[in-house]
N, C-alpha and C. Protein backbone atom coordinates (compact mmCIF):
# COMPACT_ATOMS: atom_id res chain seq x y z
N MET A 1 -33.28 -95.37 -26.12
CA MET A 1 -31.99 -95.31 -25.47
C MET A 1 -32.17 -95.35 -23.97
N SER A 2 -31.20 -95.99 -23.30
CA SER A 2 -31.31 -96.15 -21.86
C SER A 2 -30.23 -95.39 -21.12
N GLU A 3 -29.87 -94.21 -21.61
CA GLU A 3 -28.85 -93.41 -20.95
C GLU A 3 -29.44 -92.75 -19.70
N SER A 4 -28.72 -92.87 -18.60
CA SER A 4 -29.18 -92.19 -17.39
C SER A 4 -28.66 -90.76 -17.40
N ALA A 5 -29.43 -89.87 -16.84
CA ALA A 5 -29.10 -88.44 -16.91
C ALA A 5 -27.90 -88.09 -16.04
N ASP A 6 -27.61 -88.90 -14.99
CA ASP A 6 -26.53 -88.55 -14.07
C ASP A 6 -25.16 -89.08 -14.52
N THR A 7 -25.10 -89.93 -15.52
CA THR A 7 -23.84 -90.46 -16.00
C THR A 7 -23.54 -89.88 -17.37
N GLU A 8 -22.43 -89.15 -17.44
CA GLU A 8 -22.03 -88.53 -18.70
C GLU A 8 -20.95 -89.38 -19.36
N ILE A 9 -21.02 -89.44 -20.68
CA ILE A 9 -19.98 -90.11 -21.45
C ILE A 9 -19.06 -89.03 -22.00
N LYS A 10 -17.77 -89.20 -21.80
CA LYS A 10 -16.77 -88.23 -22.28
C LYS A 10 -15.73 -88.95 -23.11
N MET A 11 -15.23 -88.25 -24.13
CA MET A 11 -14.10 -88.75 -24.90
C MET A 11 -12.91 -87.86 -24.59
N VAL A 12 -11.84 -88.48 -24.14
CA VAL A 12 -10.60 -87.76 -23.88
C VAL A 12 -9.67 -88.07 -25.05
N VAL A 13 -9.22 -87.01 -25.74
CA VAL A 13 -8.32 -87.14 -26.88
C VAL A 13 -7.02 -86.45 -26.51
N ALA A 14 -5.91 -87.17 -26.66
CA ALA A 14 -4.61 -86.62 -26.32
C ALA A 14 -3.64 -86.84 -27.47
N TYR A 15 -2.79 -85.85 -27.70
CA TYR A 15 -1.71 -85.94 -28.67
C TYR A 15 -0.42 -85.88 -27.87
N ILE A 16 0.38 -86.94 -27.91
CA ILE A 16 1.57 -87.02 -27.07
C ILE A 16 2.78 -87.47 -27.90
N ARG A 17 3.94 -87.42 -27.27
CA ARG A 17 5.16 -87.92 -27.89
C ARG A 17 5.10 -89.45 -27.97
N PRO A 18 5.54 -90.04 -29.08
CA PRO A 18 5.48 -91.50 -29.21
C PRO A 18 6.24 -92.25 -28.13
N ASP A 19 7.35 -91.71 -27.67
CA ASP A 19 8.15 -92.39 -26.67
C ASP A 19 7.51 -92.40 -25.28
N LYS A 20 6.45 -91.65 -25.08
CA LYS A 20 5.76 -91.61 -23.78
C LYS A 20 4.52 -92.50 -23.75
N LEU A 21 4.24 -93.22 -24.84
CA LEU A 21 3.04 -94.04 -24.91
C LEU A 21 3.01 -95.11 -23.82
N GLY A 22 4.11 -95.78 -23.58
CA GLY A 22 4.15 -96.81 -22.55
C GLY A 22 3.81 -96.27 -21.17
N ASP A 23 4.37 -95.10 -20.84
CA ASP A 23 4.10 -94.47 -19.55
C ASP A 23 2.63 -94.07 -19.42
N VAL A 24 2.05 -93.56 -20.52
CA VAL A 24 0.65 -93.14 -20.50
C VAL A 24 -0.26 -94.36 -20.35
N LYS A 25 0.04 -95.44 -21.07
CA LYS A 25 -0.77 -96.66 -20.95
C LYS A 25 -0.76 -97.18 -19.52
N GLN A 26 0.41 -97.16 -18.89
CA GLN A 26 0.52 -97.62 -17.50
C GLN A 26 -0.27 -96.70 -16.57
N SER A 27 -0.17 -95.39 -16.76
CA SER A 27 -0.91 -94.44 -15.92
C SER A 27 -2.42 -94.62 -16.07
N LEU A 28 -2.88 -94.84 -17.31
CA LEU A 28 -4.31 -95.05 -17.55
C LEU A 28 -4.80 -96.33 -16.90
N ALA A 29 -4.01 -97.39 -16.98
CA ALA A 29 -4.40 -98.66 -16.35
C ALA A 29 -4.50 -98.49 -14.84
N GLU A 30 -3.57 -97.76 -14.24
CA GLU A 30 -3.60 -97.52 -12.80
C GLU A 30 -4.80 -96.67 -12.40
N ALA A 31 -5.25 -95.79 -13.32
CA ALA A 31 -6.41 -94.92 -13.04
C ALA A 31 -7.73 -95.64 -13.29
N GLY A 32 -7.68 -96.88 -13.81
CA GLY A 32 -8.90 -97.63 -14.06
C GLY A 32 -9.50 -97.42 -15.43
N ALA A 33 -8.70 -96.90 -16.38
CA ALA A 33 -9.17 -96.67 -17.74
C ALA A 33 -8.24 -97.38 -18.72
N PRO A 34 -8.28 -98.71 -18.77
CA PRO A 34 -7.33 -99.44 -19.62
C PRO A 34 -7.69 -99.42 -21.10
N SER A 35 -8.94 -99.09 -21.46
CA SER A 35 -9.36 -99.12 -22.87
C SER A 35 -8.98 -97.83 -23.57
N LEU A 36 -8.32 -97.96 -24.72
CA LEU A 36 -7.94 -96.79 -25.48
C LEU A 36 -7.71 -97.18 -26.93
N THR A 37 -7.70 -96.17 -27.79
CA THR A 37 -7.38 -96.34 -29.20
C THR A 37 -6.18 -95.46 -29.48
N VAL A 38 -5.20 -96.00 -30.21
CA VAL A 38 -3.96 -95.28 -30.48
C VAL A 38 -3.77 -95.18 -31.99
N THR A 39 -3.43 -93.97 -32.47
CA THR A 39 -3.19 -93.71 -33.88
C THR A 39 -1.90 -92.91 -34.02
N ASN A 40 -1.08 -93.25 -34.99
CA ASN A 40 0.11 -92.45 -35.28
C ASN A 40 -0.28 -91.29 -36.17
N VAL A 41 0.10 -90.07 -35.75
CA VAL A 41 -0.25 -88.86 -36.49
C VAL A 41 0.98 -87.94 -36.57
N SER A 42 0.88 -86.93 -37.43
CA SER A 42 1.90 -85.88 -37.51
C SER A 42 1.22 -84.56 -37.22
N GLY A 43 1.93 -83.65 -36.56
CA GLY A 43 1.33 -82.37 -36.25
C GLY A 43 2.36 -81.29 -36.04
N ARG A 44 1.84 -80.08 -35.94
CA ARG A 44 2.68 -78.91 -35.73
C ARG A 44 2.06 -78.07 -34.65
N GLY A 45 2.86 -77.62 -33.72
CA GLY A 45 2.36 -76.81 -32.62
C GLY A 45 3.46 -75.92 -32.09
N SER A 46 3.61 -75.88 -30.77
CA SER A 46 4.60 -75.00 -30.16
C SER A 46 6.01 -75.57 -30.21
N GLN A 47 6.14 -76.85 -30.54
CA GLN A 47 7.45 -77.46 -30.63
C GLN A 47 8.20 -76.87 -31.83
N PRO A 48 9.45 -76.42 -31.63
CA PRO A 48 10.17 -75.76 -32.72
C PRO A 48 10.49 -76.73 -33.86
N ALA A 49 10.59 -76.18 -35.08
CA ALA A 49 10.97 -76.98 -36.25
C ALA A 49 12.42 -77.40 -36.13
N LYS A 50 12.73 -78.54 -36.75
CA LYS A 50 14.10 -79.05 -36.73
C LYS A 50 14.66 -78.98 -38.14
N LYS A 51 15.93 -78.63 -38.23
CA LYS A 51 16.61 -78.59 -39.52
C LYS A 51 17.43 -79.86 -39.66
N GLY A 52 17.45 -80.37 -40.88
CA GLY A 52 18.22 -81.57 -41.16
C GLY A 52 18.92 -81.46 -42.48
N GLN A 53 19.76 -82.43 -42.78
CA GLN A 53 20.46 -82.43 -44.05
C GLN A 53 20.43 -83.86 -44.59
N TRP A 54 20.08 -83.97 -45.87
CA TRP A 54 20.02 -85.27 -46.53
C TRP A 54 20.59 -85.14 -47.92
N ARG A 55 21.62 -85.93 -48.21
CA ARG A 55 22.31 -85.89 -49.50
C ARG A 55 22.74 -84.46 -49.88
N GLY A 56 23.24 -83.76 -48.90
CA GLY A 56 23.76 -82.42 -49.15
C GLY A 56 22.73 -81.31 -49.19
N GLU A 57 21.45 -81.66 -49.14
CA GLU A 57 20.38 -80.66 -49.16
C GLU A 57 19.84 -80.45 -47.75
N GLU A 58 19.64 -79.18 -47.41
CA GLU A 58 19.08 -78.87 -46.11
C GLU A 58 17.55 -78.87 -46.20
N TYR A 59 16.90 -79.38 -45.17
CA TYR A 59 15.44 -79.39 -45.14
C TYR A 59 14.96 -79.07 -43.73
N THR A 60 13.70 -78.66 -43.63
CA THR A 60 13.10 -78.32 -42.34
C THR A 60 11.96 -79.29 -42.05
N VAL A 61 11.98 -79.83 -40.85
CA VAL A 61 10.90 -80.71 -40.41
C VAL A 61 10.05 -79.93 -39.43
N ASP A 62 8.84 -79.55 -39.87
CA ASP A 62 7.96 -78.81 -38.95
C ASP A 62 6.72 -79.62 -38.59
N LEU A 63 6.58 -80.82 -39.16
CA LEU A 63 5.52 -81.74 -38.73
C LEU A 63 6.19 -82.84 -37.91
N HIS A 64 5.84 -82.90 -36.64
CA HIS A 64 6.47 -83.84 -35.72
C HIS A 64 5.58 -85.06 -35.53
N GLN A 65 6.21 -86.22 -35.37
CA GLN A 65 5.47 -87.45 -35.13
C GLN A 65 4.85 -87.41 -33.74
N LYS A 66 3.58 -87.72 -33.66
CA LYS A 66 2.85 -87.77 -32.40
C LYS A 66 2.01 -89.03 -32.36
N VAL A 67 1.47 -89.32 -31.21
CA VAL A 67 0.53 -90.42 -31.03
C VAL A 67 -0.77 -89.82 -30.54
N LYS A 68 -1.86 -90.18 -31.20
CA LYS A 68 -3.19 -89.71 -30.79
C LYS A 68 -3.82 -90.83 -29.97
N ILE A 69 -4.24 -90.49 -28.77
CA ILE A 69 -4.90 -91.45 -27.87
C ILE A 69 -6.34 -91.00 -27.69
N GLU A 70 -7.27 -91.94 -27.88
CA GLU A 70 -8.68 -91.67 -27.64
C GLU A 70 -9.15 -92.63 -26.56
N CYS A 71 -9.81 -92.09 -25.56
CA CYS A 71 -10.30 -92.90 -24.44
C CYS A 71 -11.70 -92.40 -24.10
N VAL A 72 -12.70 -93.28 -24.25
CA VAL A 72 -14.08 -92.92 -23.93
C VAL A 72 -14.41 -93.50 -22.56
N VAL A 73 -14.91 -92.65 -21.66
CA VAL A 73 -15.19 -93.09 -20.30
C VAL A 73 -16.59 -92.66 -19.86
N ALA A 74 -17.19 -93.50 -19.04
CA ALA A 74 -18.48 -93.17 -18.44
C ALA A 74 -18.47 -93.53 -16.96
N ASP A 75 -17.70 -94.54 -16.59
CA ASP A 75 -17.71 -95.03 -15.22
C ASP A 75 -16.67 -94.38 -14.32
N ILE A 76 -15.69 -93.68 -14.90
CA ILE A 76 -14.73 -92.93 -14.10
C ILE A 76 -14.70 -91.49 -14.59
N PRO A 77 -14.37 -90.54 -13.73
CA PRO A 77 -14.36 -89.14 -14.16
C PRO A 77 -13.32 -88.86 -15.23
N ALA A 78 -13.68 -88.05 -16.21
CA ALA A 78 -12.75 -87.68 -17.28
C ALA A 78 -11.53 -86.96 -16.71
N GLY A 79 -11.70 -86.25 -15.62
CA GLY A 79 -10.58 -85.56 -14.98
C GLY A 79 -9.50 -86.51 -14.52
N ASP A 80 -9.90 -87.71 -14.06
CA ASP A 80 -8.91 -88.71 -13.65
C ASP A 80 -8.12 -89.21 -14.85
N VAL A 81 -8.78 -89.35 -15.99
CA VAL A 81 -8.11 -89.77 -17.21
C VAL A 81 -7.13 -88.69 -17.67
N VAL A 82 -7.57 -87.44 -17.62
CA VAL A 82 -6.70 -86.32 -18.00
C VAL A 82 -5.46 -86.29 -17.10
N ASP A 83 -5.67 -86.44 -15.79
CA ASP A 83 -4.54 -86.44 -14.85
C ASP A 83 -3.57 -87.57 -15.14
N ALA A 84 -4.11 -88.76 -15.46
CA ALA A 84 -3.26 -89.92 -15.75
C ALA A 84 -2.43 -89.69 -17.01
N ILE A 85 -3.06 -89.14 -18.05
CA ILE A 85 -2.34 -88.88 -19.29
C ILE A 85 -1.27 -87.82 -19.06
N GLN A 86 -1.63 -86.76 -18.34
CA GLN A 86 -0.68 -85.68 -18.07
C GLN A 86 0.51 -86.20 -17.27
N GLU A 87 0.25 -87.05 -16.30
CA GLU A 87 1.32 -87.62 -15.48
C GLU A 87 2.27 -88.48 -16.32
N GLY A 88 1.71 -89.29 -17.20
CA GLY A 88 2.53 -90.19 -18.01
C GLY A 88 3.25 -89.51 -19.15
N ALA A 89 2.71 -88.42 -19.68
CA ALA A 89 3.27 -87.79 -20.88
C ALA A 89 4.18 -86.60 -20.61
N ASN A 90 4.20 -86.10 -19.41
CA ASN A 90 4.92 -84.86 -19.11
C ASN A 90 6.43 -85.06 -19.09
N THR A 91 7.14 -84.27 -19.90
CA THR A 91 8.60 -84.21 -19.84
C THR A 91 9.06 -82.82 -19.42
N GLY A 92 8.14 -81.84 -19.45
CA GLY A 92 8.48 -80.48 -19.11
C GLY A 92 9.07 -79.68 -20.26
N GLU A 93 9.08 -80.25 -21.46
CA GLU A 93 9.65 -79.58 -22.62
C GLU A 93 8.55 -79.24 -23.63
N PRO A 94 8.80 -78.26 -24.52
CA PRO A 94 7.81 -77.98 -25.56
C PRO A 94 7.58 -79.22 -26.42
N GLY A 95 6.33 -79.43 -26.82
CA GLY A 95 6.01 -80.58 -27.65
C GLY A 95 5.49 -81.77 -26.88
N ASP A 96 5.22 -81.60 -25.58
CA ASP A 96 4.67 -82.71 -24.79
C ASP A 96 3.29 -83.11 -25.27
N GLY A 97 2.52 -82.17 -25.83
CA GLY A 97 1.23 -82.51 -26.39
C GLY A 97 0.08 -81.73 -25.80
N LYS A 98 -1.12 -82.18 -26.16
CA LYS A 98 -2.35 -81.52 -25.72
C LYS A 98 -3.37 -82.60 -25.36
N ILE A 99 -4.32 -82.22 -24.49
CA ILE A 99 -5.41 -83.11 -24.10
C ILE A 99 -6.71 -82.35 -24.27
N PHE A 100 -7.70 -83.00 -24.89
CA PHE A 100 -9.02 -82.41 -25.10
C PHE A 100 -10.07 -83.34 -24.51
N VAL A 101 -11.10 -82.77 -23.90
CA VAL A 101 -12.21 -83.55 -23.36
C VAL A 101 -13.47 -83.13 -24.11
N LEU A 102 -14.13 -84.11 -24.73
CA LEU A 102 -15.31 -83.85 -25.56
C LEU A 102 -16.51 -84.61 -25.01
N PRO A 103 -17.70 -84.00 -25.07
CA PRO A 103 -18.90 -84.74 -24.68
C PRO A 103 -19.26 -85.75 -25.77
N VAL A 104 -19.77 -86.91 -25.36
CA VAL A 104 -20.22 -87.92 -26.31
C VAL A 104 -21.74 -87.98 -26.21
N GLU A 105 -22.41 -87.76 -27.32
CA GLU A 105 -23.87 -87.72 -27.34
C GLU A 105 -24.47 -89.08 -27.01
N SER A 106 -23.96 -90.13 -27.64
CA SER A 106 -24.45 -91.48 -27.34
C SER A 106 -23.39 -92.49 -27.71
N ALA A 107 -23.54 -93.70 -27.18
CA ALA A 107 -22.63 -94.80 -27.47
C ALA A 107 -23.47 -96.04 -27.72
N HIS A 108 -23.03 -96.85 -28.68
CA HIS A 108 -23.75 -98.07 -29.04
C HIS A 108 -22.75 -99.20 -29.20
N GLN A 109 -22.98 -100.31 -28.53
CA GLN A 109 -22.12 -101.47 -28.68
C GLN A 109 -22.69 -102.33 -29.79
N ILE A 110 -21.91 -102.63 -30.80
CA ILE A 110 -22.39 -103.33 -31.98
C ILE A 110 -22.84 -104.76 -31.66
N ARG A 111 -22.02 -105.50 -30.93
CA ARG A 111 -22.31 -106.91 -30.70
C ARG A 111 -23.59 -107.13 -29.90
N THR A 112 -23.78 -106.37 -28.82
CA THR A 112 -24.90 -106.61 -27.93
C THR A 112 -26.08 -105.68 -28.15
N GLY A 113 -25.84 -104.56 -28.82
CA GLY A 113 -26.91 -103.58 -29.00
C GLY A 113 -27.11 -102.67 -27.81
N THR A 114 -26.23 -102.78 -26.81
CA THR A 114 -26.30 -101.95 -25.61
C THR A 114 -26.05 -100.49 -25.99
N THR A 115 -26.76 -99.56 -25.34
CA THR A 115 -26.58 -98.14 -25.60
C THR A 115 -26.29 -97.41 -24.31
N GLY A 116 -25.80 -96.19 -24.47
CA GLY A 116 -25.54 -95.33 -23.31
C GLY A 116 -24.26 -95.70 -22.59
N PRO A 117 -24.13 -95.31 -21.32
CA PRO A 117 -22.91 -95.56 -20.55
C PRO A 117 -22.56 -97.06 -20.45
N ASP A 118 -23.56 -97.93 -20.49
CA ASP A 118 -23.28 -99.37 -20.41
C ASP A 118 -22.54 -99.87 -21.64
N ALA A 119 -22.63 -99.16 -22.76
CA ALA A 119 -21.96 -99.57 -23.99
C ALA A 119 -20.47 -99.23 -23.95
N VAL A 120 -20.09 -98.34 -23.06
CA VAL A 120 -18.68 -97.93 -22.97
C VAL A 120 -17.95 -98.97 -22.16
């Protein structure tokens, strides 16, 4: 492996509201981190449950639709990515989401066989 000791690879994982995805993508592109993976997920957190009614029956929705964003970076600081996501996703209301920063042990590019920060 050709990983240099001074360059760390980090994975930033964020769970946000689906309607804020466009704003987050724009913020990430402006921060220099345009590469990301997006997955639709459901989750439960501090956002309150919603009550609904369907065909006369009342039900509770406590799993809310979210978007999971994964962004692996080596050439820009993970803090800049976190700031960009927070700026794009913030509404100031419960349920805006969470951001996690994880260390990445190694990275390998399948097509070229490149490893380490160059593979990101």
